[in-house]
PDB file of N, CA and C in Angstrom:
ATOM      1  N   MET A   1     -28.095-116.351  86.271  1.00  0.00           N
ATOM      2  CA  MET A   1     -28.651-117.601  85.760  1.00  0.00           C
ATOM      3  C   MET A   1     -30.136-117.574  85.825  1.00  0.00           C
ATOM      4  N   ARG A   2     -30.735-117.008  86.845  1.00  0.00           N
ATOM      5  CA  ARG A   2     -32.246-116.911  86.984  1.00  0.00           C
ATOM      6  C   ARG A   2     -32.750-115.996  85.929  1.00  0.00           C
ATOM      7  N   ARG A   3     -32.134-114.975  85.550  1.00  0.00           N
ATOM      8  CA  ARG A   3     -32.601-114.062  84.461  1.00  0.00           C
ATOM      9  C   ARG A   3     -32.568-114.782  83.114  1.00  0.00           C
ATOM     10  N   PHE A   4     -31.501-115.565  82.879  1.00  0.00           N
ATOM     11  CA  PHE A   4     -31.460-116.337  81.632  1.00  0.00           C
ATOM     12  C   PHE A   4     -32.552-117.424  81.571  1.00  0.00           C
ATOM     13  N   VAL A   5     -32.883-118.019  82.646  1.00  0.00           N
ATOM     14  CA  VAL A   5     -34.013-119.053  82.663  1.00  0.00           C
ATOM     15  C   VAL A   5     -35.376-118.291  82.486  1.00  0.00           C
ATOM     16  N   ALA A   6     -35.483-117.189  83.073  1.00  0.00           N
ATOM     17  CA  ALA A   6     -36.762-116.365  82.844  1.00  0.00           C
ATOM     18  C   ALA A   6     -36.878-115.881  81.377  1.00  0.00           C
ATOM     19  N   PHE A   7     -35.663-115.573  80.830  1.00  0.00           N
ATOM     20  CA  PHE A   7     -35.715-115.148  79.394  1.00  0.00           C
ATOM     21  C   PHE A   7     -36.108-116.315  78.552  1.00  0.00           C
ATOM     22  N   ILE A   8     -35.617-117.477  78.725  1.00  0.00           N
ATOM     23  CA  ILE A   8     -36.004-118.711  78.024  1.00  0.00           C
ATOM     24  C   ILE A   8     -37.439-118.986  78.186  1.00  0.00           C
ATOM     25  N   VAL A   9     -37.938-118.880  79.428  1.00  0.00           N
ATOM     26  CA  VAL A   9     -39.360-119.162  79.674  1.00  0.00           C
ATOM     27  C   VAL A   9     -40.254-118.194  78.909  1.00  0.00           C
ATOM     28  N   ILE A  10     -39.794-116.979  78.678  1.00  0.00           N
ATOM     29  CA  ILE A  10     -40.586-115.991  77.909  1.00  0.00           C
ATOM     30  C   ILE A  10     -40.419-116.225  76.425  1.00  0.00           C
ATOM     31  N   VAL A  11     -39.218-116.623  75.956  1.00  0.00           N
ATOM     32  CA  VAL A  11     -38.965-116.706  74.542  1.00  0.00           C
ATOM     33  C   VAL A  11     -39.688-117.876  73.861  1.00  0.00           C
ATOM     34  N   ILE A  12     -39.736-119.003  74.556  1.00  0.00           N
ATOM     35  CA  ILE A  12     -40.410-120.167  73.991  1.00  0.00           C
ATOM     36  C   ILE A  12     -41.879-119.916  73.660  1.00  0.00           C
ATOM     37  N   PRO A  13     -42.680-119.383  74.653  1.00  0.00           N
ATOM     38  CA  PRO A  13     -44.082-119.040  74.289  1.00  0.00           C
ATOM     39  C   PRO A  13     -44.204-117.989  73.268  1.00  0.00           C
ATOM     40  N   MET A  14     -43.220-117.150  73.114  1.00  0.00           N
ATOM     41  CA  MET A  14     -43.271-116.108  72.040  1.00  0.00           C
ATOM     42  C   MET A  14     -43.076-116.806  70.697  1.00  0.00           C
ATOM     43  N   ILE A  15     -42.142-117.741  70.618  1.00  0.00           N
ATOM     44  CA  ILE A  15     -41.971-118.504  69.341  1.00  0.00           C
ATOM     45  C   ILE A  15     -43.277-119.279  68.982  1.00  0.00           C
ATOM     46  N   ILE A  16     -43.866-119.877  69.993  1.00  0.00           N
ATOM     47  CA  ILE A  16     -45.073-120.641  69.729  1.00  0.00           C
ATOM     48  C   ILE A  16     -46.204-119.744  69.183  1.00  0.00           C
ATOM     49  N   ALA A  17     -46.362-118.564  69.850  1.00  0.00           N
ATOM     50  CA  ALA A  17     -47.293-117.548  69.393  1.00  0.00           C
ATOM     51  C   ALA A  17     -47.053-117.042  68.007  1.00  0.00           C
ATOM     52  N   THR A  18     -45.759-116.857  67.668  1.00  0.00           N
ATOM     53  CA  THR A  18     -45.354-116.438  66.375  1.00  0.00           C
ATOM     54  C   THR A  18     -45.696-117.482  65.288  1.00  0.00           C
ATOM     55  N   VAL A  19     -45.497-118.719  65.606  1.00  0.00           N
ATOM     56  CA  VAL A  19     -45.847-119.887  64.682  1.00  0.00           C
ATOM     57  C   VAL A  19     -47.296-119.847  64.571  1.00  0.00           C
ATOM     58  N   GLY A  20     -48.078-119.617  65.553  1.00  0.00           N
ATOM     59  CA  GLY A  20     -49.536-119.520  65.442  1.00  0.00           C
ATOM     60  C   GLY A  20     -50.027-118.464  64.504  1.00  0.00           C
ATOM     61  N   VAL A  21     -49.335-117.334  64.565  1.00  0.00           N
ATOM     62  CA  VAL A  21     -49.754-116.227  63.688  1.00  0.00           C
ATOM     63  C   VAL A  21     -49.342-116.619  62.268  1.00  0.00           C
ATOM     64  N   LYS A  22     -48.279-117.273  62.107  1.00  0.00           N
ATOM     65  CA  LYS A  22     -47.834-117.703  60.712  1.00  0.00           C
ATOM     66  C   LYS A  22     -48.833-118.706  60.107  1.00  0.00           C
ATOM     67  N   LEU A  23     -49.308-119.661  60.971  1.00  0.00           N
ATOM     68  CA  LEU A  23     -50.303-120.619  60.547  1.00  0.00           C
ATOM     69  C   LEU A  23     -51.613-120.006  60.180  1.00  0.00           C
ATOM     70  N   LEU A  24     -52.063-119.055  61.018  1.00  0.00           N
ATOM     71  CA  LEU A  24     -53.294-118.394  60.719  1.00  0.00           C
ATOM     72  C   LEU A  24     -53.203-117.518  59.457  1.00  0.00           C
ATOM     73  N   ARG A  25     -52.127-116.915  59.231  1.00  0.00           N
ATOM     74  CA  ARG A  25     -51.890-116.119  57.989  1.00  0.00           C
ATOM     75  C   ARG A  25     -51.851-117.039  56.804  1.00  0.00           C
ATOM     76  N   ASP A  26     -51.184-118.145  56.833  1.00  0.00           N
ATOM     77  CA  ASP A  26     -51.144-119.121  55.777  1.00  0.00           C
ATOM     78  C   ASP A  26     -52.481-119.711  55.475  1.00  0.00           C
ATOM     79  N   SER A  27     -53.313-119.952  56.476  1.00  0.00           N
ATOM     80  CA  SER A  27     -54.626-120.521  56.245  1.00  0.00           C
ATOM     81  C   SER A  27     -55.533-119.449  55.648  1.00  0.00           C
ATOM     82  N   LEU A  28     -55.286-118.184  55.986  1.00  0.00           N
ATOM     83  CA  LEU A  28     -56.123-117.114  55.423  1.00  0.00           C
ATOM     84  C   LEU A  28     -55.864-116.925  53.914  1.00  0.00           C
ATOM     85  N   PHE A  29     -54.611-117.079  53.536  1.00  0.00           N
ATOM     86  CA  PHE A  29     -54.259-116.910  52.186  1.00  0.00           C
ATOM     87  C   PHE A  29     -54.193-118.291  51.417  1.00  0.00           C
ATOM     88  N   ASN A  30     -54.722-119.368  52.135  1.00  0.00           N
ATOM     89  CA  ASN A  30     -54.888-120.649  51.551  1.00  0.00           C
ATOM     90  C   ASN A  30     -53.585-121.212  50.987  1.00  0.00           C
ATOM     91  N   THR A  31     -52.510-121.094  51.770  1.00  0.00           N
ATOM     92  CA  THR A  31     -51.267-121.767  51.446  1.00  0.00           C
ATOM     93  C   THR A  31     -50.936-122.758  52.505  1.00  0.00           C
ATOM     94  N   GLY A  32     -50.441-123.973  52.076  1.00  0.00           N
ATOM     95  CA  GLY A  32     -50.033-124.904  53.066  1.00  0.00           C
ATOM     96  C   GLY A  32     -48.659-124.589  53.646  1.00  0.00           C
ATOM     97  N   TYR A  33     -48.463-125.024  54.876  1.00  0.00           N
ATOM     98  CA  TYR A  33     -47.228-124.764  55.517  1.00  0.00           C
ATOM     99  C   TYR A  33     -46.494-126.083  55.680  1.00  0.00           C
ATOM    100  N   PHE A  34     -46.626-126.721  56.742  1.00  0.00           N
ATOM    101  CA  PHE A  34     -46.065-128.032  56.890  1.00  0.00           C
ATOM    102  C   PHE A  34     -47.166-129.019  57.298  1.00  0.00           C
ATOM    103  N   ILE A  35     -48.367-128.575  57.354  1.00  0.00           N
ATOM    104  CA  ILE A  35     -49.475-129.432  57.683  1.00  0.00           C
ATOM    105  C   ILE A  35     -50.290-129.616  56.396  1.00  0.00           C
ATOM    106  N   GLU A  36     -50.422-130.887  56.032  1.00  0.00           N
ATOM    107  CA  GLU A  36     -51.250-131.119  54.896  1.00  0.00           C
ATOM    108  C   GLU A  36     -52.647-131.673  55.227  1.00  0.00           C
ATOM    109  N   LEU A  37     -53.106-131.313  56.332  1.00  0.00           N
ATOM    110  CA  LEU A  37     -54.431-131.803  56.812  1.00  0.00           C
ATOM    111  C   LEU A  37     -55.644-130.942  56.229  1.00  0.00           C
ATOM    112  N   GLY A  38     -55.365-129.774  55.871  1.00  0.00           N
ATOM    113  CA  GLY A  38     -56.399-128.894  55.459  1.00  0.00           C
ATOM    114  C   GLY A  38     -56.102-127.497  56.010  1.00  0.00           C
ATOM    115  N   VAL A  39     -56.869-126.586  55.360  1.00  0.00           N
ATOM    116  CA  VAL A  39     -56.785-125.228  55.822  1.00  0.00           C
ATOM    117  C   VAL A  39     -57.439-125.014  57.214  1.00  0.00           C
ATOM    118  N   GLY A  40     -58.618-125.580  57.396  1.00  0.00           N
ATOM    119  CA  GLY A  40     -59.364-125.443  58.568  1.00  0.00           C
ATOM    120  C   GLY A  40     -58.646-125.966  59.795  1.00  0.00           C
ATOM    121  N   ILE A  41     -57.967-127.128  59.702  1.00  0.00           N
ATOM    122  CA  ILE A  41     -57.100-127.687  60.761  1.00  0.00           C
ATOM    123  C   ILE A  41     -55.937-126.861  61.034  1.00  0.00           C
ATOM    124  N   GLN A  42     -55.335-126.295  59.926  1.00  0.00           N
ATOM    125  CA  GLN A  42     -54.229-125.413  60.094  1.00  0.00           C
ATOM    126  C   GLN A  42     -54.619-124.210  60.884  1.00  0.00           C
ATOM    127  N   ALA A  43     -55.765-123.605  60.547  1.00  0.00           N
ATOM    128  CA  ALA A  43     -56.294-122.436  61.270  1.00  0.00           C
ATOM    129  C   ALA A  43     -56.598-122.672  62.735  1.00  0.00           C
ATOM    130  N   LEU A  44     -57.142-123.888  63.025  1.00  0.00           N
ATOM    131  CA  LEU A  44     -57.434-124.323  64.384  1.00  0.00           C
ATOM    132  C   LEU A  44     -56.087-124.392  65.206  1.00  0.00           C
ATOM    133  N   ILE A  45     -55.187-125.033  64.569  1.00  0.00           N
ATOM    134  CA  ILE A  45     -53.873-125.245  65.290  1.00  0.00           C
ATOM    135  C   ILE A  45     -53.196-123.858  65.483  1.00  0.00           C
ATOM    136  N   GLY A  46     -53.294-122.995  64.499  1.00  0.00           N
ATOM    137  CA  GLY A  46     -52.656-121.715  64.678  1.00  0.00           C
ATOM    138  C   GLY A  46     -53.367-120.883  65.745  1.00  0.00           C
ATOM    139  N   THR A  47     -54.662-121.027  65.878  1.00  0.00           N
ATOM    140  CA  THR A  47     -55.393-120.308  66.919  1.00  0.00           C
ATOM    141  C   THR A  47     -54.932-120.765  68.294  1.00  0.00           C
ATOM    142  N   VAL A  48     -54.888-122.179  68.405  1.00  0.00           N
ATOM    143  CA  VAL A  48     -54.521-122.719  69.690  1.00  0.00           C
ATOM    144  C   VAL A  48     -53.040-122.269  70.114  1.00  0.00           C
ATOM    145  N   PHE A  49     -52.086-122.295  69.065  1.00  0.00           N
ATOM    146  CA  PHE A  49     -50.737-121.830  69.376  1.00  0.00           C
ATOM    147  C   PHE A  49     -50.764-120.353  69.714  1.00  0.00           C
ATOM    148  N   LEU A  50     -51.452-119.572  69.016  1.00  0.00           N
ATOM    149  CA  LEU A  50     -51.440-118.131  69.320  1.00  0.00           C
ATOM    150  C   LEU A  50     -51.999-117.854  70.723  1.00  0.00           C
ATOM    151  N   LEU A  51     -53.164-118.437  71.088  1.00  0.00           N
ATOM    152  CA  LEU A  51     -53.803-118.260  72.365  1.00  0.00           C
ATOM    153  C   LEU A  51     -52.932-118.812  73.536  1.00  0.00           C
ATOM    154  N   SER A  52     -52.412-120.056  73.265  1.00  0.00           N
ATOM    155  CA  SER A  52     -51.668-120.574  74.415  1.00  0.00           C
ATOM    156  C   SER A  52     -50.330-119.785  74.630  1.00  0.00           C
ATOM    157  N   GLY A  53     -49.616-119.424  73.609  1.00  0.00           N
ATOM    158  CA  GLY A  53     -48.456-118.539  73.825  1.00  0.00           C
ATOM    159  C   GLY A  53     -48.744-117.185  74.460  1.00  0.00           C
ATOM    160  N   SER A  54     -49.798-116.503  73.942  1.00  0.00           N
ATOM    161  CA  SER A  54     -50.164-115.219  74.538  1.00  0.00           C
ATOM    162  C   SER A  54     -50.688-115.287  75.940  1.00  0.00           C
ATOM    163  N   LEU A  55     -51.435-116.272  76.294  1.00  0.00           N
ATOM    164  CA  LEU A  55     -51.938-116.446  77.609  1.00  0.00           C
ATOM    165  C   LEU A  55     -50.863-116.827  78.610  1.00  0.00           C
ATOM    166  N   PHE A  56     -49.870-117.672  78.097  1.00  0.00           N
ATOM    167  CA  PHE A  56     -48.731-117.920  78.994  1.00  0.00           C
ATOM    168  C   PHE A  56     -47.962-116.724  79.370  1.00  0.00           C
ATOM    169  N   ILE A  57     -47.655-115.935  78.358  1.00  0.00           N
ATOM    170  CA  ILE A  57     -46.888-114.655  78.511  1.00  0.00           C
ATOM    171  C   ILE A  57     -47.718-113.781  79.531  1.00  0.00           C
ATOM    172  N   ALA A  58     -48.929-113.573  79.296  1.00  0.00           N
ATOM    173  CA  ALA A  58     -49.791-112.735  80.141  1.00  0.00           C
ATOM    174  C   ALA A  58     -49.806-113.286  81.614  1.00  0.00           C
ATOM    175  N   GLY A  59     -49.925-114.609  81.789  1.00  0.00           N
ATOM    176  CA  GLY A  59     -49.870-115.117  83.150  1.00  0.00           C
ATOM    177  C   GLY A  59     -48.443-114.911  83.784  1.00  0.00           C
ATOM    178  N   PHE A  60     -47.481-115.087  83.038  1.00  0.00           N
ATOM    179  CA  PHE A  60     -46.041-114.903  83.516  1.00  0.00           C
ATOM    180  C   PHE A  60     -45.870-113.405  84.039  1.00  0.00           C
ATOM    181  N   ILE A  61     -46.381-112.477  83.212  1.00  0.00           N
ATOM    182  CA  ILE A  61     -46.222-111.098  83.643  1.00  0.00           C
ATOM    183  C   ILE A  61     -47.127-110.707  84.792  1.00  0.00           C
ATOM    184  N   GLN A  62     -48.287-111.337  84.902  1.00  0.00           N
ATOM    185  CA  GLN A  62     -49.197-111.064  85.977  1.00  0.00           C
ATOM    186  C   GLN A  62     -48.605-111.655  87.257  1.00  0.00           C
ATOM    187  N   ARG A  63     -48.024-112.852  87.217  1.00  0.00           N
ATOM    188  CA  ARG A  63     -47.482-113.484  88.361  1.00  0.00           C
ATOM    189  C   ARG A  63     -46.209-112.717  88.891  1.00  0.00           C
ATOM    190  N   ARG A  64     -45.431-112.174  87.875  1.00  0.00           N
ATOM    191  CA  ARG A  64     -44.257-111.340  88.276  1.00  0.00           C
ATOM    192  C   ARG A  64     -44.675-110.118  88.966  1.00  0.00           C
ATOM    193  N   ASP A  65     -45.750-109.488  88.473  1.00  0.00           N
ATOM    194  CA  ASP A  65     -46.153-108.223  89.059  1.00  0.00           C
ATOM    195  C   ASP A  65     -46.856-108.484  90.393  1.00  0.00           C
ATOM    196  N   GLU A  66     -47.536-109.550  90.556  1.00  0.00           N
ATOM    197  CA  GLU A  66     -48.085-109.869  91.937  1.00  0.00           C
ATOM    198  C   GLU A  66     -47.005-110.074  92.913  1.00  0.00           C
ATOM    199  N   LYS A  67     -45.851-110.670  92.496  1.00  0.00           N
ATOM    200  CA  LYS A  67     -44.812-110.855  93.490  1.00  0.00           C
ATOM    201  C   LYS A  67     -44.170-109.614  93.864  1.00  0.00           C
ATOM    202  N   LYS A  68     -44.093-108.600  92.934  1.00  0.00           N
ATOM    203  CA  LYS A  68     -43.435-107.373  93.137  1.00  0.00           C
ATOM    204  C   LYS A  68     -44.487-106.356  93.745  1.00  0.00           C
ATOM    205  N   LYS A  69     -45.685-106.769  94.040  1.00  0.00           N
ATOM    206  CA  LYS A  69     -46.728-105.938  94.640  1.00  0.00           C
ATOM    207  C   LYS A  69     -47.146-104.782  93.682  1.00  0.00           C
ATOM    208  N   LYS A  70     -47.063-104.962  92.430  1.00  0.00           N
ATOM    209  CA  LYS A  70     -47.421-103.972  91.460  1.00  0.00           C
ATOM    210  C   LYS A  70     -48.759-104.277  90.772  1.00  0.00           C
ATOM    211  N   PHE A  71     -49.389-105.378  91.203  1.00  0.00           N
ATOM    212  CA  PHE A  71     -50.606-105.749  90.535  1.00  0.00           C
ATOM    213  C   PHE A  71     -51.763-105.402  91.469  1.00  0.00           C
ATOM    214  N   ARG A  72     -52.745-104.701  90.925  1.00  0.00           N
ATOM    215  CA  ARG A  72     -53.853-104.286  91.726  1.00  0.00           C
ATOM    216  C   ARG A  72     -54.973-105.324  91.505  1.00  0.00           C
ATOM    217  N   LYS A  73     -55.491-105.765  92.728  1.00  0.00           N
ATOM    218  CA  LYS A  73     -56.591-106.760  92.752  1.00  0.00           C
ATOM    219  C   LYS A  73     -57.907-106.106  92.193  1.00  0.00           C
ATOM    220  N   LYS A  74     -58.736-106.994  91.698  1.00  0.00           N
ATOM    221  CA  LYS A  74     -60.016-106.445  91.220  1.00  0.00           C
ATOM    222  C   LYS A  74     -60.790-105.893  92.397  1.00  0.00           C
ATOM    223  N   ILE A  75     -61.451-104.785  92.091  1.00  0.00           N
ATOM    224  CA  ILE A  75     -62.333-104.177  93.073  1.00  0.00           C
ATOM    225  C   ILE A  75     -63.739-104.668  92.960  1.00  0.00           C
ATOM    226  N   SER A  76     -64.192-105.288  93.988  1.00  0.00           N
ATOM    227  CA  SER A  76     -65.528-105.858  93.882  1.00  0.00           C
ATOM    228  C   SER A  76     -66.573-104.703  94.278  1.00  0.00           C
ATOM    229  N   LYS A  77     -67.622-104.669  93.527  1.00  0.00           N
ATOM    230  CA  LYS A  77     -68.654-103.659  93.890  1.00  0.00           C
ATOM    231  C   LYS A  77     -69.597-104.220  94.868  1.00  0.00           C
ATOM    232  N   SER A  78     -69.891-103.438  95.872  1.00  0.00           N
ATOM    233  CA  SER A  78     -70.877-103.887  96.879  1.00  0.00           C
ATOM    234  C   SER A  78     -72.223-103.427  96.402  1.00  0.00           C
ATOM    235  N   HIS A  79     -73.239-104.232  96.531  1.00  0.00           N
ATOM    236  CA  HIS A  79     -74.589-103.889  96.179  1.00  0.00           C
ATOM    237  C   HIS A  79     -75.405-103.529  97.396  1.00  0.00           C
TER     238      HIS A  79
END
């Protein structure tokens, strides 16, 4: 059950990021999708969807790796 929930938690942001890519592509080729507010707003919404989905997935993977001790902390340079 836990793996299924983790799978759903990953799939939903992937779908959001995919919709973001679709919106960005449609705004690049100047075709309307389901938003009739304009190409600029469509590109902005697509960018927000793409970044939010991608950053959520990256944070999920980082958190998982930190729990499993596979994540290396940043090395700070001493001056």
